[in-house]
C-alpha atoms as a PDB file:
ATOM      1  CA  MET A   1      25.346  11.586 -40.125  1.00  0.00           C
ATOM      2  CA  ASP A   2      22.477  10.851 -43.141  1.00  0.00           C
ATOM      3  CA  VAL A   3      21.203   7.143 -42.655  1.00  0.00           C
ATOM      4  CA  ASP A   4      19.012   5.691 -45.166  1.00  0.00           C
ATOM      5  CA  LEU A   5      15.924   3.921 -42.914  1.00  0.00           C
ATOM      6  CA  THR A   6      16.374   0.786 -45.509  1.00  0.00           C
ATOM      7  CA  ARG A   7      19.913   0.050 -44.783  1.00  0.00           C
ATOM      8  CA  LEU A   8      19.249   0.692 -41.361  1.00  0.00           C
ATOM      9  CA  ARG A   9      16.473  -2.448 -41.689  1.00  0.00           C
ATOM     10  CA  VAL A  10      18.741  -4.337 -43.410  1.00  0.00           C
ATOM     11  CA  LEU A  11      21.608  -4.396 -41.005  1.00  0.00           C
ATOM     12  CA  ALA A  12      19.155  -4.497 -38.083  1.00  0.00           C
ATOM     13  CA  ALA A  13      17.896  -7.833 -40.150  1.00  0.00           C
ATOM     14  CA  VAL A  14      21.592  -9.400 -40.432  1.00  0.00           C
ATOM     15  CA  ALA A  15      21.925  -8.967 -37.089  1.00  0.00           C
ATOM     16  CA  ARG A  16      18.937 -10.445 -36.273  1.00  0.00           C
ATOM     17  CA  GLU A  17      19.062 -13.261 -38.445  1.00  0.00           C
ATOM     18  CA  GLY A  18      23.302 -13.949 -37.998  1.00  0.00           C
ATOM     19  CA  SER A  19      23.717 -13.944 -41.596  1.00  0.00           C
ATOM     20  CA  VAL A  20      23.260 -11.903 -44.841  1.00  0.00           C
ATOM     21  CA  THR A  21      21.666 -14.954 -46.613  1.00  0.00           C
ATOM     22  CA  GLY A  22      19.088 -15.229 -43.640  1.00  0.00           C
ATOM     23  CA  ALA A  23      18.660 -11.429 -43.880  1.00  0.00           C
ATOM     24  CA  ALA A  24      18.118 -11.486 -47.801  1.00  0.00           C
ATOM     25  CA  ARG A  25      15.754 -14.600 -47.046  1.00  0.00           C
ATOM     26  CA  ALA A  26      13.794 -12.540 -44.005  1.00  0.00           C
ATOM     27  CA  LEU A  27      13.422  -9.726 -45.904  1.00  0.00           C
ATOM     28  CA  HIS A  28      12.883 -10.787 -49.645  1.00  0.00           C
ATOM     29  CA  TYR A  29      15.821  -9.249 -51.207  1.00  0.00           C
ATOM     30  CA  ALA A  30      18.549 -10.876 -53.325  1.00  0.00           C
ATOM     31  CA  GLN A  31      21.359 -11.475 -51.515  1.00  0.00           C
ATOM     32  CA  PRO A  32      23.660  -9.099 -53.279  1.00  0.00           C
ATOM     33  CA  SER A  33      21.168  -6.276 -52.802  1.00  0.00           C
ATOM     34  CA  VAL A  34      21.640  -7.186 -48.841  1.00  0.00           C
ATOM     35  CA  SER A  35      25.581  -6.684 -49.810  1.00  0.00           C
ATOM     36  CA  HIS A  36      25.140  -3.512 -51.524  1.00  0.00           C
ATOM     37  CA  HIS A  37      23.097  -1.902 -48.903  1.00  0.00           C
ATOM     38  CA  LEU A  38      25.160  -2.990 -45.917  1.00  0.00           C
ATOM     39  CA  ALA A  39      28.423  -1.447 -48.158  1.00  0.00           C
ATOM     40  CA  ARG A  40      26.297   2.022 -49.130  1.00  0.00           C
ATOM     41  CA  LEU A  41      25.518   2.148 -45.098  1.00  0.00           C
ATOM     42  CA  GLU A  42      29.221   1.720 -44.413  1.00  0.00           C
ATOM     43  CA  ALA A  43      30.110   4.472 -46.556  1.00  0.00           C
ATOM     44  CA  GLU A  44      27.362   6.623 -44.796  1.00  0.00           C
ATOM     45  CA  VAL A  45      28.792   5.943 -41.395  1.00  0.00           C
ATOM     46  CA  GLY A  46      32.539   6.127 -42.403  1.00  0.00           C
ATOM     47  CA  VAL A  47      33.274   3.090 -40.404  1.00  0.00           C
ATOM     48  CA  PRO A  48      33.368  -0.712 -40.791  1.00  0.00           C
ATOM     49  CA  LEU A  49      30.338  -2.715 -39.870  1.00  0.00           C
ATOM     50  CA  THR A  50      31.016  -6.077 -40.975  1.00  0.00           C
ATOM     51  CA  GLU A  51      34.498  -8.109 -41.626  1.00  0.00           C
ATOM     52  CA  ARG A  52      34.778 -11.466 -43.308  1.00  0.00           C
ATOM     53  CA  HIS A  53      34.195 -14.776 -41.230  1.00  0.00           C
ATOM     54  CA  GLY A  54      34.734 -18.124 -42.818  1.00  0.00           C
ATOM     55  CA  ARG A  55      32.851 -18.048 -46.029  1.00  0.00           C
ATOM     56  CA  GLY A  56      30.330 -15.203 -44.604  1.00  0.00           C
ATOM     57  CA  VAL A  57      30.469 -12.271 -42.991  1.00  0.00           C
ATOM     58  CA  ARG A  58      29.643 -10.980 -38.991  1.00  0.00           C
ATOM     59  CA  LEU A  59      29.042  -7.818 -37.661  1.00  0.00           C
ATOM     60  CA  THR A  60      31.785  -5.630 -35.762  1.00  0.00           C
ATOM     61  CA  ALA A  61      31.604  -3.895 -32.674  1.00  0.00           C
ATOM     62  CA  ALA A  62      30.659  -0.717 -34.682  1.00  0.00           C
ATOM     63  CA  GLY A  63      28.089  -3.338 -36.612  1.00  0.00           C
ATOM     64  CA  ARG A  64      26.646  -4.384 -33.400  1.00  0.00           C
ATOM     65  CA  LEU A  65      25.977  -0.977 -31.651  1.00  0.00           C
ATOM     66  CA  LEU A  66      24.346   0.488 -34.688  1.00  0.00           C
ATOM     67  CA  ALA A  67      22.060  -2.428 -35.508  1.00  0.00           C
ATOM     68  CA  ALA A  68      20.916  -2.002 -31.658  1.00  0.00           C
ATOM     69  CA  ARG A  69      20.134   1.644 -32.185  1.00  0.00           C
ATOM     70  CA  ALA A  70      18.908   0.616 -35.540  1.00  0.00           C
ATOM     71  CA  GLU A  71      16.093  -1.368 -34.075  1.00  0.00           C
ATOM     72  CA  GLU A  72      14.791   1.062 -31.759  1.00  0.00           C
ATOM     73  CA  ILE A  73      14.880   4.039 -34.668  1.00  0.00           C
ATOM     74  CA  LEU A  74      12.804   1.868 -36.817  1.00  0.00           C
ATOM     75  CA  GLY A  75      10.363   1.138 -33.869  1.00  0.00           C
ATOM     76  CA  ARG A  76       9.818   4.760 -33.297  1.00  0.00           C
ATOM     77  CA  VAL A  77       9.711   5.611 -36.696  1.00  0.00           C
ATOM     78  CA  GLY A  78       6.820   2.847 -37.113  1.00  0.00           C
ATOM     79  CA  ALA A  79       5.216   3.792 -34.095  1.00  0.00           C
ATOM     80  CA  ALA A  80       4.880   7.513 -35.394  1.00  0.00           C
ATOM     81  CA  ARG A  81       3.620   6.658 -38.488  1.00  0.00           C
ATOM     82  CA  GLU A  82       0.603   4.624 -36.825  1.00  0.00           C
ATOM     83  CA  GLU A  83      -0.192   7.671 -34.531  1.00  0.00           C
ATOM     84  CA  LEU A  84      -0.434   9.864 -37.462  1.00  0.00           C
ATOM     85  CA  ASP A  85      -2.820   7.361 -39.152  1.00  0.00           C
ATOM     86  CA  ALA A  86      -4.860   7.607 -36.309  1.00  0.00           C
ATOM     87  CA  LEU A  87      -5.324  10.881 -36.264  1.00  0.00           C
ATOM     88  CA  VAL A  88      -3.177  11.941 -33.167  1.00  0.00           C
ATOM     89  CA  SER A  89      -6.358  12.234 -30.987  1.00  0.00           C
ATOM     90  CA  LEU A  90      -8.259  10.507 -28.416  1.00  0.00           C
ATOM     91  CA  SER A  91     -11.319   9.689 -30.982  1.00  0.00           C
ATOM     92  CA  ALA A  92      -9.581   7.178 -32.656  1.00  0.00           C
ATOM     93  CA  GLY A  93      -6.247   4.860 -32.603  1.00  0.00           C
ATOM     94  CA  ARG A  94      -4.987   2.366 -30.526  1.00  0.00           C
ATOM     95  CA  VAL A  95      -2.011   2.454 -27.804  1.00  0.00           C
ATOM     96  CA  ARG A  96      -0.233  -0.359 -26.322  1.00  0.00           C
ATOM     97  CA  LEU A  97       0.650  -1.153 -22.479  1.00  0.00           C
ATOM     98  CA  ALA A  98       3.076  -3.578 -21.016  1.00  0.00           C
ATOM     99  CA  ALA A  99       2.838  -4.326 -17.733  1.00  0.00           C
ATOM    100  CA  PHE A 100       3.770  -6.506 -14.908  1.00  0.00           C
ATOM    101  CA  PRO A 101       1.336  -9.594 -14.051  1.00  0.00           C
ATOM    102  CA  SER A 102       0.243  -8.147 -10.851  1.00  0.00           C
ATOM    103  CA  ALA A 103      -0.571  -4.588 -12.353  1.00  0.00           C
ATOM    104  CA  LEU A 104      -2.403  -6.444 -15.089  1.00  0.00           C
ATOM    105  CA  ALA A 105      -4.421  -8.304 -12.439  1.00  0.00           C
ATOM    106  CA  THR A 106      -5.762  -4.747 -10.435  1.00  0.00           C
ATOM    107  CA  LEU A 107      -4.382  -1.382 -11.900  1.00  0.00           C
ATOM    108  CA  VAL A 108      -4.566  -1.841 -15.514  1.00  0.00           C
ATOM    109  CA  PRO A 109      -8.170  -3.135 -15.966  1.00  0.00           C
ATOM    110  CA  ASP A 110      -9.538   0.103 -13.877  1.00  0.00           C
ATOM    111  CA  VAL A 111      -7.821   1.753 -16.544  1.00  0.00           C
ATOM    112  CA  VAL A 112      -8.950   0.320 -19.759  1.00  0.00           C
ATOM    113  CA  GLY A 113     -12.543   0.443 -18.174  1.00  0.00           C
ATOM    114  CA  ARG A 114     -12.234   4.018 -17.952  1.00  0.00           C
ATOM    115  CA  LEU A 115     -10.804   4.797 -21.641  1.00  0.00           C
ATOM    116  CA  ALA A 116     -13.374   2.492 -22.541  1.00  0.00           C
ATOM    117  CA  ARG A 117     -16.241   5.289 -20.871  1.00  0.00           C
ATOM    118  CA  GLU A 118     -14.060   8.114 -21.832  1.00  0.00           C
ATOM    119  CA  HIS A 119     -12.733   7.680 -25.130  1.00  0.00           C
ATOM    120  CA  PRO A 120     -14.970   4.541 -26.742  1.00  0.00           C
ATOM    121  CA  GLY A 121     -12.763   5.034 -30.068  1.00  0.00           C
ATOM    122  CA  LEU A 122      -9.439   4.514 -28.517  1.00  0.00           C
ATOM    123  CA  GLY A 123      -8.550   0.980 -28.400  1.00  0.00           C
ATOM    124  CA  VAL A 124      -5.897  -0.316 -25.843  1.00  0.00           C
ATOM    125  CA  GLY A 125      -3.808  -3.343 -26.465  1.00  0.00           C
ATOM    126  CA  LEU A 126      -2.038  -5.181 -23.541  1.00  0.00           C
ATOM    127  CA  VAL A 127       1.231  -7.043 -23.201  1.00  0.00           C
ATOM    128  CA  GLU A 128       2.246  -8.939 -19.932  1.00  0.00           C
ATOM    129  CA  ALA A 129       5.659  -8.132 -19.913  1.00  0.00           C
ATOM    130  CA  GLU A 130       8.555  -7.469 -16.618  1.00  0.00           C
ATOM    131  CA  PRO A 131      10.272  -4.545 -16.386  1.00  0.00           C
ATOM    132  CA  PRO A 132      13.232  -4.980 -18.567  1.00  0.00           C
ATOM    133  CA  GLU A 133      11.631  -6.749 -21.283  1.00  0.00           C
ATOM    134  CA  ALA A 134       8.581  -3.593 -20.950  1.00  0.00           C
ATOM    135  CA  LEU A 135      11.030  -1.198 -21.613  1.00  0.00           C
ATOM    136  CA  ASP A 136      12.640  -3.057 -24.138  1.00  0.00           C
ATOM    137  CA  ALA A 137       9.233  -3.416 -26.300  1.00  0.00           C
ATOM    138  CA  LEU A 138       8.941   0.834 -25.548  1.00  0.00           C
ATOM    139  CA  ARG A 139      12.311   1.875 -27.619  1.00  0.00           C
ATOM    140  CA  ARG A 140      11.715  -0.699 -29.869  1.00  0.00           C
ATOM    141  CA  GLY A 141       8.474   1.027 -30.478  1.00  0.00           C
ATOM    142  CA  ALA A 142       6.498  -2.129 -30.129  1.00  0.00           C
ATOM    143  CA  VAL A 143       4.587  -0.572 -26.864  1.00  0.00           C
ATOM    144  CA  ASP A 144       3.482   2.963 -25.862  1.00  0.00           C
ATOM    145  CA  VAL A 145       4.063   2.828 -22.204  1.00  0.00           C
ATOM    146  CA  ALA A 146       5.369   0.228 -19.903  1.00  0.00           C
ATOM    147  CA  LEU A 147       4.625   0.080 -16.429  1.00  0.00           C
ATOM    148  CA  VAL A 148       7.351  -1.344 -14.693  1.00  0.00           C
ATOM    149  CA  PHE A 149       8.580  -1.248 -10.864  1.00  0.00           C
ATOM    150  CA  GLU A 150      12.257  -0.753  -9.521  1.00  0.00           C
ATOM    151  CA  HIS A 151      13.742  -1.656  -6.232  1.00  0.00           C
ATOM    152  CA  ASP A 152      16.575   0.532  -4.335  1.00  0.00           C
ATOM    153  CA  ARG A 153      19.214  -2.200  -5.362  1.00  0.00           C
ATOM    154  CA  SER A 154      17.894  -2.872  -8.922  1.00  0.00           C
ATOM    155  CA  PRO A 155      16.493   0.687 -10.487  1.00  0.00           C
ATOM    156  CA  VAL A 156      15.694   0.227 -14.044  1.00  0.00           C
ATOM    157  CA  ASP A 157      17.169   1.699 -16.684  1.00  0.00           C
ATOM    158  CA  VAL A 158      15.419   4.947 -18.281  1.00  0.00           C
ATOM    159  CA  GLU A 159      17.878   7.242 -19.689  1.00  0.00           C
ATOM    160  CA  GLY A 160      15.607   9.047 -22.749  1.00  0.00           C
ATOM    161  CA  LEU A 161      12.629   8.035 -21.536  1.00  0.00           C
ATOM    162  CA  ARG A 162       9.895   9.833 -19.655  1.00  0.00           C
ATOM    163  CA  ALA A 163       8.642   7.973 -16.102  1.00  0.00           C
ATOM    164  CA  VAL A 164       5.916   9.151 -14.043  1.00  0.00           C
ATOM    165  CA  PRO A 165       5.536   7.750  -9.934  1.00  0.00           C
ATOM    166  CA  VAL A 166       2.399   5.831 -10.146  1.00  0.00           C
ATOM    167  CA  LEU A 167       2.580   4.020  -6.634  1.00  0.00           C
ATOM    168  CA  ALA A 168       5.396   3.590  -3.636  1.00  0.00           C
ATOM    169  CA  GLU A 169       4.239   0.038  -3.467  1.00  0.00           C
ATOM    170  CA  GLU A 170       4.663  -1.442   0.153  1.00  0.00           C
ATOM    171  CA  LEU A 171       6.087  -4.855   0.686  1.00  0.00           C
ATOM    172  CA  PHE A 172       4.590  -7.307   3.364  1.00  0.00           C
ATOM    173  CA  LEU A 173       6.376 -10.734   4.733  1.00  0.00           C
ATOM    174  CA  VAL A 174       3.980 -13.504   4.104  1.00  0.00           C
ATOM    175  CA  ARG A 175       4.359 -16.698   6.153  1.00  0.00           C
ATOM    176  CA  ALA A 176       1.848 -19.677   6.993  1.00  0.00           C
ATOM    177  CA  GLY A 177      -1.163 -19.280   9.386  1.00  0.00           C
ATOM    178  CA  ALA A 178      -4.068 -17.424  10.281  1.00  0.00           C
ATOM    179  CA  GLY A 179      -3.219 -13.727  11.941  1.00  0.00           C
ATOM    180  CA  PRO A 180      -4.455 -10.631  13.257  1.00  0.00           C
ATOM    181  CA  HIS A 181      -2.708  -8.402  10.925  1.00  0.00           C
ATOM    182  CA  PRO A 182      -3.695  -9.674   7.689  1.00  0.00           C
ATOM    183  CA  GLY A 183      -2.585  -7.205   5.629  1.00  0.00           C
ATOM    184  CA  PRO A 184      -4.373  -5.736   2.063  1.00  0.00           C
ATOM    185  CA  HIS A 185      -7.369  -7.302   1.597  1.00  0.00           C
ATOM    186  CA  PRO A 186      -8.416  -8.021  -2.438  1.00  0.00           C
ATOM    187  CA  GLY A 187     -11.023  -5.164  -2.219  1.00  0.00           C
ATOM    188  CA  THR A 188      -8.856  -2.593  -0.955  1.00  0.00           C
ATOM    189  CA  HIS A 189      -6.456  -0.290  -2.235  1.00  0.00           C
ATOM    190  CA  PRO A 190      -2.930  -1.411  -2.641  1.00  0.00           C
ATOM    191  CA  GLY A 191      -0.596  -0.019   0.281  1.00  0.00           C
ATOM    192  CA  THR A 192      -3.284   0.901   2.613  1.00  0.00           C
ATOM    193  CA  ARG A 193      -3.778  -0.844   6.017  1.00  0.00           C
ATOM    194  CA  SER A 194      -6.074  -0.437   8.609  1.00  0.00           C
ATOM    195  CA  ALA A 195      -5.812   1.480  11.876  1.00  0.00           C
ATOM    196  CA  THR A 196      -4.524  -1.726  14.292  1.00  0.00           C
ATOM    197  CA  ASP A 197      -2.104  -2.179  11.264  1.00  0.00           C
ATOM    198  CA  GLU A 198      -0.791   0.786  11.393  1.00  0.00           C
ATOM    199  CA  ALA A 199      -0.851   1.002  15.486  1.00  0.00           C
ATOM    200  CA  ALA A 200       0.910  -2.738  15.151  1.00  0.00           C
ATOM    201  CA  ALA A 201       3.565  -1.600  12.698  1.00  0.00           C
ATOM    202  CA  SER A 202       4.669   1.720  14.249  1.00  0.00           C
ATOM    203  CA  SER A 203       4.767  -0.298  18.108  1.00  0.00           C
ATOM    204  CA  GLU A 204       8.443  -2.046  18.956  1.00  0.00           C
ATOM    205  CA  GLU A 205       5.599  -5.345  20.033  1.00  0.00           C
ATOM    206  CA  GLY A 206       4.441  -4.752  16.088  1.00  0.00           C
ATOM    207  CA  ALA A 207       7.614  -4.409  14.225  1.00  0.00           C
ATOM    208  CA  VAL A 208       8.449  -6.890  11.856  1.00  0.00           C
ATOM    209  CA  ASP A 209      11.862  -8.421  12.338  1.00  0.00           C
ATOM    210  CA  LEU A 210      13.666 -10.620   9.888  1.00  0.00           C
ATOM    211  CA  ALA A 211      16.224 -12.105  11.549  1.00  0.00           C
ATOM    212  CA  PRO A 212      14.438 -14.415  13.619  1.00  0.00           C
ATOM    213  CA  LEU A 213      13.706 -16.392  10.162  1.00  0.00           C
ATOM    214  CA  ALA A 214      17.496 -16.434   9.564  1.00  0.00           C
ATOM    215  CA  ASP A 215      17.230 -20.657   9.185  1.00  0.00           C
ATOM    216  CA  ALA A 216      13.444 -20.261   7.338  1.00  0.00           C
ATOM    217  CA  ALA A 217      13.690 -21.498   3.843  1.00  0.00           C
ATOM    218  CA  TRP A 218      12.306 -18.612   1.483  1.00  0.00           C
ATOM    219  CA  ILE A 219      10.995 -18.496  -1.640  1.00  0.00           C
ATOM    220  CA  ALA A 220      11.933 -15.915  -3.940  1.00  0.00           C
ATOM    221  CA  GLY A 221      10.658 -14.368  -7.542  1.00  0.00           C
ATOM    222  CA  CYS A 222      12.830 -12.642 -10.228  1.00  0.00           C
ATOM    223  CA  GLU A 223      16.561 -11.691 -10.124  1.00  0.00           C
ATOM    224  CA  ARG A 224      15.809  -7.942  -9.430  1.00  0.00           C
ATOM    225  CA  CYS A 225      13.370  -9.012  -6.687  1.00  0.00           C
ATOM    226  CA  ARG A 226      15.646 -11.998  -5.419  1.00  0.00           C
ATOM    227  CA  ALA A 227      18.265  -9.090  -5.111  1.00  0.00           C
ATOM    228  CA  ASP A 228      15.964  -6.755  -2.536  1.00  0.00           C
ATOM    229  CA  LEU A 229      14.893 -10.067  -0.464  1.00  0.00           C
ATOM    230  CA  VAL A 230      19.075 -11.215  -0.229  1.00  0.00           C
ATOM    231  CA  GLY A 231      19.558  -7.271   0.731  1.00  0.00           C
ATOM    232  CA  ARG A 232      17.254  -6.795   3.254  1.00  0.00           C
ATOM    233  CA  CYS A 233      18.062 -10.421   5.254  1.00  0.00           C
ATOM    234  CA  GLU A 234      21.753  -9.337   5.076  1.00  0.00           C
ATOM    235  CA  ARG A 235      20.542  -5.977   7.014  1.00  0.00           C
ATOM    236  CA  ALA A 236      19.201  -8.030   9.469  1.00  0.00           C
ATOM    237  CA  GLY A 237      22.238 -10.158   9.902  1.00  0.00           C
ATOM    238  CA  PHE A 238      21.980 -13.514   7.266  1.00  0.00           C
ATOM    239  CA  THR A 239      21.693 -14.374   4.001  1.00  0.00           C
ATOM    240  CA  PRO A 240      18.047 -16.112   2.917  1.00  0.00           C
ATOM    241  CA  ARG A 241      18.161 -19.553   2.044  1.00  0.00           C
ATOM    242  CA  VAL A 242      16.468 -19.648  -1.029  1.00  0.00           C
ATOM    243  CA  ALA A 243      14.306 -22.853  -1.490  1.00  0.00           C
ATOM    244  CA  PHE A 244      12.074 -22.245  -4.110  1.00  0.00           C
ATOM    245  CA  GLU A 245      12.044 -19.827  -6.765  1.00  0.00           C
ATOM    246  CA  THR A 246       8.942 -18.697  -8.712  1.00  0.00           C
ATOM    247  CA  ASP A 247       7.386 -15.511  -9.989  1.00  0.00           C
ATOM    248  CA  ASP A 248       3.461 -16.362  -9.765  1.00  0.00           C
ATOM    249  CA  TYR A 249       2.282 -14.700  -6.560  1.00  0.00           C
ATOM    250  CA  VAL A 250      -0.384 -17.518  -6.273  1.00  0.00           C
ATOM    251  CA  ALA A 251       2.271 -20.017  -6.344  1.00  0.00           C
ATOM    252  CA  VAL A 252       4.431 -18.311  -3.620  1.00  0.00           C
ATOM    253  CA  GLN A 253       1.073 -17.960  -1.417  1.00  0.00           C
ATOM    254  CA  ALA A 254       0.286 -21.878  -2.065  1.00  0.00           C
ATOM    255  CA  LEU A 255       3.884 -23.000  -1.328  1.00  0.00           C
ATOM    256  CA  VAL A 256       3.845 -20.340   2.316  1.00  0.00           C
ATOM    257  CA  ALA A 257       0.743 -21.721   3.226  1.00  0.00           C
ATOM    258  CA  SER A 258       2.007 -25.363   2.661  1.00  0.00           C
ATOM    259  CA  GLY A 259       4.449 -24.782   5.321  1.00  0.00           C
ATOM    260  CA  VAL A 260       7.650 -24.821   3.097  1.00  0.00           C
ATOM    261  CA  GLY A 261       8.921 -21.475   3.187  1.00  0.00           C
ATOM    262  CA  VAL A 262       8.094 -17.916   3.578  1.00  0.00           C
ATOM    263  CA  SER A 263       8.174 -14.975   1.551  1.00  0.00           C
ATOM    264  CA  LEU A 264       8.360 -11.093   0.538  1.00  0.00           C
ATOM    265  CA  LEU A 265       5.233  -9.825  -1.470  1.00  0.00           C
ATOM    266  CA  PRO A 266       4.443  -6.566  -2.659  1.00  0.00           C
ATOM    267  CA  ALA A 267       0.780  -5.192  -1.799  1.00  0.00           C
ATOM    268  CA  LEU A 268      -0.177  -5.061  -5.243  1.00  0.00           C
ATOM    269  CA  ALA A 269       0.074  -8.992  -5.414  1.00  0.00           C
ATOM    270  CA  LEU A 270      -1.882  -9.258  -2.450  1.00  0.00           C
ATOM    271  CA  ARG A 271      -4.232  -7.274  -3.967  1.00  0.00           C
ATOM    272  CA  ALA A 272      -4.526  -9.583  -7.006  1.00  0.00           C
ATOM    273  CA  HIS A 273      -4.730 -12.776  -4.861  1.00  0.00           C
ATOM    274  CA  ARG A 274      -4.920 -13.143  -1.401  1.00  0.00           C
ATOM    275  CA  ASP A 275      -4.352 -17.114  -0.033  1.00  0.00           C
ATOM    276  CA  PRO A 276      -6.938 -17.282   3.597  1.00  0.00           C
ATOM    277  CA  ARG A 277      -3.717 -19.669   4.806  1.00  0.00           C
ATOM    278  CA  VAL A 278      -1.470 -17.173   5.232  1.00  0.00           C
ATOM    279  CA  THR A 279      -0.932 -14.059   7.240  1.00  0.00           C
ATOM    280  CA  VAL A 280       0.952 -11.026   6.038  1.00  0.00           C
ATOM    281  CA  ARG A 281       3.120  -7.787   7.499  1.00  0.00           C
ATOM    282  CA  ALA A 282       4.076  -5.216   6.395  1.00  0.00           C
ATOM    283  CA  LEU A 283       8.201  -4.134   6.631  1.00  0.00           C
ATOM    284  CA  PRO A 284       8.069  -0.831   7.634  1.00  0.00           C
ATOM    285  CA  GLY A 285       9.727   1.730   5.403  1.00  0.00           C
ATOM    286  CA  ALA A 286      10.022  -1.076   2.402  1.00  0.00           C
ATOM    287  CA  ALA A 287       8.543  -0.076  -0.748  1.00  0.00           C
ATOM    288  CA  ARG A 288       9.132  -0.884  -4.708  1.00  0.00           C
ATOM    289  CA  ARG A 289       8.496   1.989  -6.684  1.00  0.00           C
ATOM    290  CA  VAL A 290       5.896   1.720  -9.792  1.00  0.00           C
ATOM    291  CA  LEU A 291       6.492   3.602 -12.693  1.00  0.00           C
ATOM    292  CA  ALA A 292       4.453   4.692 -15.828  1.00  0.00           C
ATOM    293  CA  VAL A 293       7.353   5.156 -18.758  1.00  0.00           C
ATOM    294  CA  THR A 294       7.052   6.510 -22.068  1.00  0.00           C
ATOM    295  CA  TYR A 295       9.134   7.585 -24.983  1.00  0.00           C
ATOM    296  CA  GLY A 296      10.574  11.039 -25.424  1.00  0.00           C
ATOM    297  CA  GLU A 297       8.970  14.437 -23.702  1.00  0.00           C
ATOM    298  CA  ARG A 298       5.920  14.632 -25.264  1.00  0.00           C
ATOM    299  CA  PRO A 299       3.684  11.063 -25.582  1.00  0.00           C
ATOM    300  CA  SER A 300       1.126  10.745 -27.710  1.00  0.00           C
ATOM    301  CA  PRO A 301      -2.174  11.172 -26.615  1.00  0.00           C
ATOM    302  CA  GLY A 302      -3.175   7.856 -26.162  1.00  0.00           C
ATOM    303  CA  ALA A 303      -0.099   7.103 -24.203  1.00  0.00           C
ATOM    304  CA  ALA A 304      -0.639  10.435 -21.847  1.00  0.00           C
ATOM    305  CA  ALA A 305      -4.546   9.211 -21.088  1.00  0.00           C
ATOM    306  CA  VAL A 306      -3.161   5.955 -20.278  1.00  0.00           C
ATOM    307  CA  VAL A 307      -0.416   7.184 -17.955  1.00  0.00           C
ATOM    308  CA  GLU A 308      -2.693   9.780 -16.043  1.00  0.00           C
ATOM    309  CA  GLY A 309      -5.297   6.737 -15.704  1.00  0.00           C
ATOM    310  CA  LEU A 310      -3.067   4.431 -13.934  1.00  0.00           C
ATOM    311  CA  VAL A 311      -1.856   7.264 -11.886  1.00  0.00           C
ATOM    312  CA  ARG A 312      -5.831   7.933 -10.813  1.00  0.00           C
ATOM    313  CA  ALA A 313      -6.307   4.227 -10.298  1.00  0.00           C
ATOM    314  CA  ALA A 314      -3.315   3.929  -8.016  1.00  0.00           C
ATOM    315  CA  GLY A 315      -4.996   6.616  -5.888  1.00  0.00           C
END
C-alpha cells in the first residue's frame, strides 16, 4: 500500500482536531484541500476513512486506526530526518530521553555527565514521563529513548520496540520511626544492602510479613504501582485500605513519617530522597524491572550511547 505522507498528516490532523475545519486551520490549508486529501487517501487505502455526521464528518473505525498509525509513522520519519541532519554520529546531534522521576534524580544525571565528557558534541534532551507516556512519545518519535519500569502484574507494552534490561529494583516497606535496618542510603547503589540487612532479611526473624499491616492505612502511587501493592497484600491475606494517593516519593515519606500510613517504595526513590524519620525494610524477592527502550532493532548511535550509559550507571 503506497500512502502519501502529506495525506497521512492531514488524516492525523483531522483526528487530533476533531473536524475538517479544525484540521484546515491547524495545517494552514484551505478546507477543500483537506477534503481532497482525505478523498485521495481513501482511494489509496481502499476503505472508507470518514462518514457524514451532522453537518460535518467523523472518522470511521478504519480512519481512527490509520490516524493512530499515521502519528507514529510521521514521528519516525521526522526522527530519521533529524538523525540524518545531525550526521548520524556521536560528534553532533541530539538524543532525547524520557524517564520517570526517581530515575531522573539518580541514574540519568550520571549518564548525562558522562556523555558530556566523552561526546561533547552530542546534546541530550530530558523529558519527565511515566512509562505509558514515555513509550507513547517513543512511538511518535518525540523521544529517542524511553526509560521505563514494569511490575509482574503490570508489564509495559514493548511490542515492535527494543527493550534492554537496566536494573532489577528492590521494593521496600516504609514505616514511621527510625529502625535498625535503614535500607539504601542516598549515597549507595540502588538495590544494594549492608551485610546486616542481608542477614536480617534471610532470617525468619528479619523477614518482612505484610499480614500484620492488614488494618493499616496505605499510601499508594500510580495505577500500575497500586496494582502491584494490592497484589502483594492479597497474597498476604488482605486487601489494603488505600487512604492517600501520590506519585511524589518525597510526599510519601513525609506522610509515613507523620504516622498516617505505610507504603511500598522502590530503591531508586529511596536513593533519590531518604527521610530520616522513616524506617525501610526490603521485601524479599520483590522487585520491579527497569528497561531502556528504543525504536526498532538498530537505534541511532546517540540513543545506543544513552542506553549503554544507563546500564553502566545501574552497575
